[in-house]
Amino acid sequence: MPADNIPILESILTCPCCGYVKREIMPTDACQFYYECNGCRSLLRPIPGDCCVFCSFGTVKCPPVQMQSCRCG
């Protein structure tokens, strides 16, 4: 996590089905459980053990995980 305990809000999601890549802004107050790929329209869900699609398919873990305040598990 960057200095001053400010979470990174931008992540690059990569669809595991088609490889489509998109830069997204993550919600700061919740984990995002579903995400529809803009490339193939697949509905992405977290890999078992991850709290959200950003933790599973993004370049950066979600803000609640970064802040160690995730209550999804």
C-alpha atoms as a PDB file:
ATOM      1  CA  MET A   1       0.000   0.000   0.000  1.00  0.00           C
ATOM      2  CA  PRO A   2       1.258   3.526  -0.738  1.00  0.00           C
ATOM      3  CA  ALA A   3       2.364   5.977   1.911  1.00  0.00           C
ATOM      4  CA  ASP A   4      -0.181   7.580   4.249  1.00  0.00           C
ATOM      5  CA  ASN A   5      -2.356   4.420   4.187  1.00  0.00           C
ATOM      6  CA  ILE A   6      -4.273   5.648   1.146  1.00  0.00           C
ATOM      7  CA  PRO A   7      -5.469   2.708  -0.928  1.00  0.00           C
ATOM      8  CA  ILE A   8      -4.820   2.463  -4.652  1.00  0.00           C
ATOM      9  CA  LEU A   9      -8.198   2.770  -6.379  1.00  0.00           C
ATOM     10  CA  GLU A  10      -7.272   1.835  -9.931  1.00  0.00           C
ATOM     11  CA  SER A  11      -6.784  -1.745 -11.088  1.00  0.00           C
ATOM     12  CA  ILE A  12      -6.474  -3.418 -14.469  1.00  0.00           C
ATOM     13  CA  LEU A  13      -8.815  -6.388 -14.793  1.00  0.00           C
ATOM     14  CA  THR A  14      -7.981  -9.209 -17.198  1.00  0.00           C
ATOM     15  CA  CYS A  15     -10.766 -11.577 -18.185  1.00  0.00           C
ATOM     16  CA  PRO A  16      -9.682 -15.196 -17.680  1.00  0.00           C
ATOM     17  CA  CYS A  17     -12.044 -16.312 -20.466  1.00  0.00           C
ATOM     18  CA  CYS A  18     -11.044 -14.064 -23.360  1.00  0.00           C
ATOM     19  CA  GLY A  19      -8.068 -12.024 -22.146  1.00  0.00           C
ATOM     20  CA  TYR A  20      -9.874  -8.670 -22.492  1.00  0.00           C
ATOM     21  CA  VAL A  21      -8.147  -6.016 -20.378  1.00  0.00           C
ATOM     22  CA  LYS A  22      -9.833  -2.961 -18.854  1.00  0.00           C
ATOM     23  CA  ARG A  23      -8.737  -0.325 -16.367  1.00  0.00           C
ATOM     24  CA  GLU A  24     -11.352   0.134 -13.631  1.00  0.00           C
ATOM     25  CA  ILE A  25     -11.828   2.238 -10.518  1.00  0.00           C
ATOM     26  CA  MET A  26     -12.561   0.050  -7.500  1.00  0.00           C
ATOM     27  CA  PRO A  27     -15.249   0.811  -4.917  1.00  0.00           C
ATOM     28  CA  THR A  28     -13.752   1.926  -1.611  1.00  0.00           C
ATOM     29  CA  ASP A  29     -16.463   0.681   0.716  1.00  0.00           C
ATOM     30  CA  ALA A  30     -17.219  -2.825  -0.563  1.00  0.00           C
ATOM     31  CA  CYS A  31     -15.827  -5.806  -2.407  1.00  0.00           C
ATOM     32  CA  GLN A  32     -17.159  -6.317  -5.948  1.00  0.00           C
ATOM     33  CA  PHE A  33     -18.373  -9.886  -6.254  1.00  0.00           C
ATOM     34  CA  TYR A  34     -19.579  -9.786  -9.887  1.00  0.00           C
ATOM     35  CA  TYR A  35     -18.128  -8.171 -13.004  1.00  0.00           C
ATOM     36  CA  GLU A  36     -19.307  -8.490 -16.596  1.00  0.00           C
ATOM     37  CA  CYS A  37     -16.463  -8.615 -19.120  1.00  0.00           C
ATOM     38  CA  ASN A  38     -16.819  -6.016 -21.867  1.00  0.00           C
ATOM     39  CA  GLY A  39     -15.101  -8.373 -24.306  1.00  0.00           C
ATOM     40  CA  CYS A  40     -16.991 -11.665 -24.088  1.00  0.00           C
ATOM     41  CA  ARG A  41     -19.796 -10.728 -21.652  1.00  0.00           C
ATOM     42  CA  SER A  42     -18.798 -13.493 -19.223  1.00  0.00           C
ATOM     43  CA  LEU A  43     -19.887 -12.878 -15.648  1.00  0.00           C
ATOM     44  CA  LEU A  44     -16.734 -13.027 -13.549  1.00  0.00           C
ATOM     45  CA  ARG A  45     -16.822 -14.120  -9.926  1.00  0.00           C
ATOM     46  CA  PRO A  46     -13.944 -14.321  -7.461  1.00  0.00           C
ATOM     47  CA  ILE A  47     -11.727 -17.388  -7.344  1.00  0.00           C
ATOM     48  CA  PRO A  48     -12.513 -19.374  -4.165  1.00  0.00           C
ATOM     49  CA  GLY A  49     -10.554 -17.825  -1.313  1.00  0.00           C
ATOM     50  CA  ASP A  50     -10.581 -14.309  -2.811  1.00  0.00           C
ATOM     51  CA  CYS A  51     -13.094 -11.703  -1.678  1.00  0.00           C
ATOM     52  CA  CYS A  52     -13.775 -10.037  -5.032  1.00  0.00           C
ATOM     53  CA  VAL A  53     -13.052  -9.942  -8.758  1.00  0.00           C
ATOM     54  CA  PHE A  54     -10.289  -7.356  -8.288  1.00  0.00           C
ATOM     55  CA  CYS A  55      -8.428  -9.659  -5.890  1.00  0.00           C
ATOM     56  CA  SER A  56      -8.783 -12.513  -8.389  1.00  0.00           C
ATOM     57  CA  PHE A  57      -8.281 -10.841 -11.777  1.00  0.00           C
ATOM     58  CA  GLY A  58      -6.908  -7.355 -11.093  1.00  0.00           C
ATOM     59  CA  THR A  59      -3.420  -5.924 -10.858  1.00  0.00           C
ATOM     60  CA  VAL A  60      -4.210  -4.448  -7.426  1.00  0.00           C
ATOM     61  CA  LYS A  61      -6.127  -5.981  -4.501  1.00  0.00           C
ATOM     62  CA  CYS A  62      -9.376  -4.197  -3.557  1.00  0.00           C
ATOM     63  CA  PRO A  63      -9.299  -1.224  -1.130  1.00  0.00           C
ATOM     64  CA  PRO A  64     -10.882  -3.157   1.779  1.00  0.00           C
ATOM     65  CA  VAL A  65      -8.102  -5.771   1.523  1.00  0.00           C
ATOM     66  CA  GLN A  66      -5.448  -3.049   1.152  1.00  0.00           C
ATOM     67  CA  MET A  67      -6.800  -1.373   4.307  1.00  0.00           C
ATOM     68  CA  GLN A  68      -7.111  -4.760   6.070  1.00  0.00           C
ATOM     69  CA  SER A  69     -10.810  -4.061   6.666  1.00  0.00           C
ATOM     70  CA  CYS A  70     -12.335  -6.670   4.357  1.00  0.00           C
ATOM     71  CA  ARG A  71     -15.229  -8.487   6.028  1.00  0.00           C
ATOM     72  CA  CYS A  72     -16.171 -10.665   3.088  1.00  0.00           C
ATOM     73  CA  GLY A  73     -14.506 -13.854   4.217  1.00  0.00           C
END
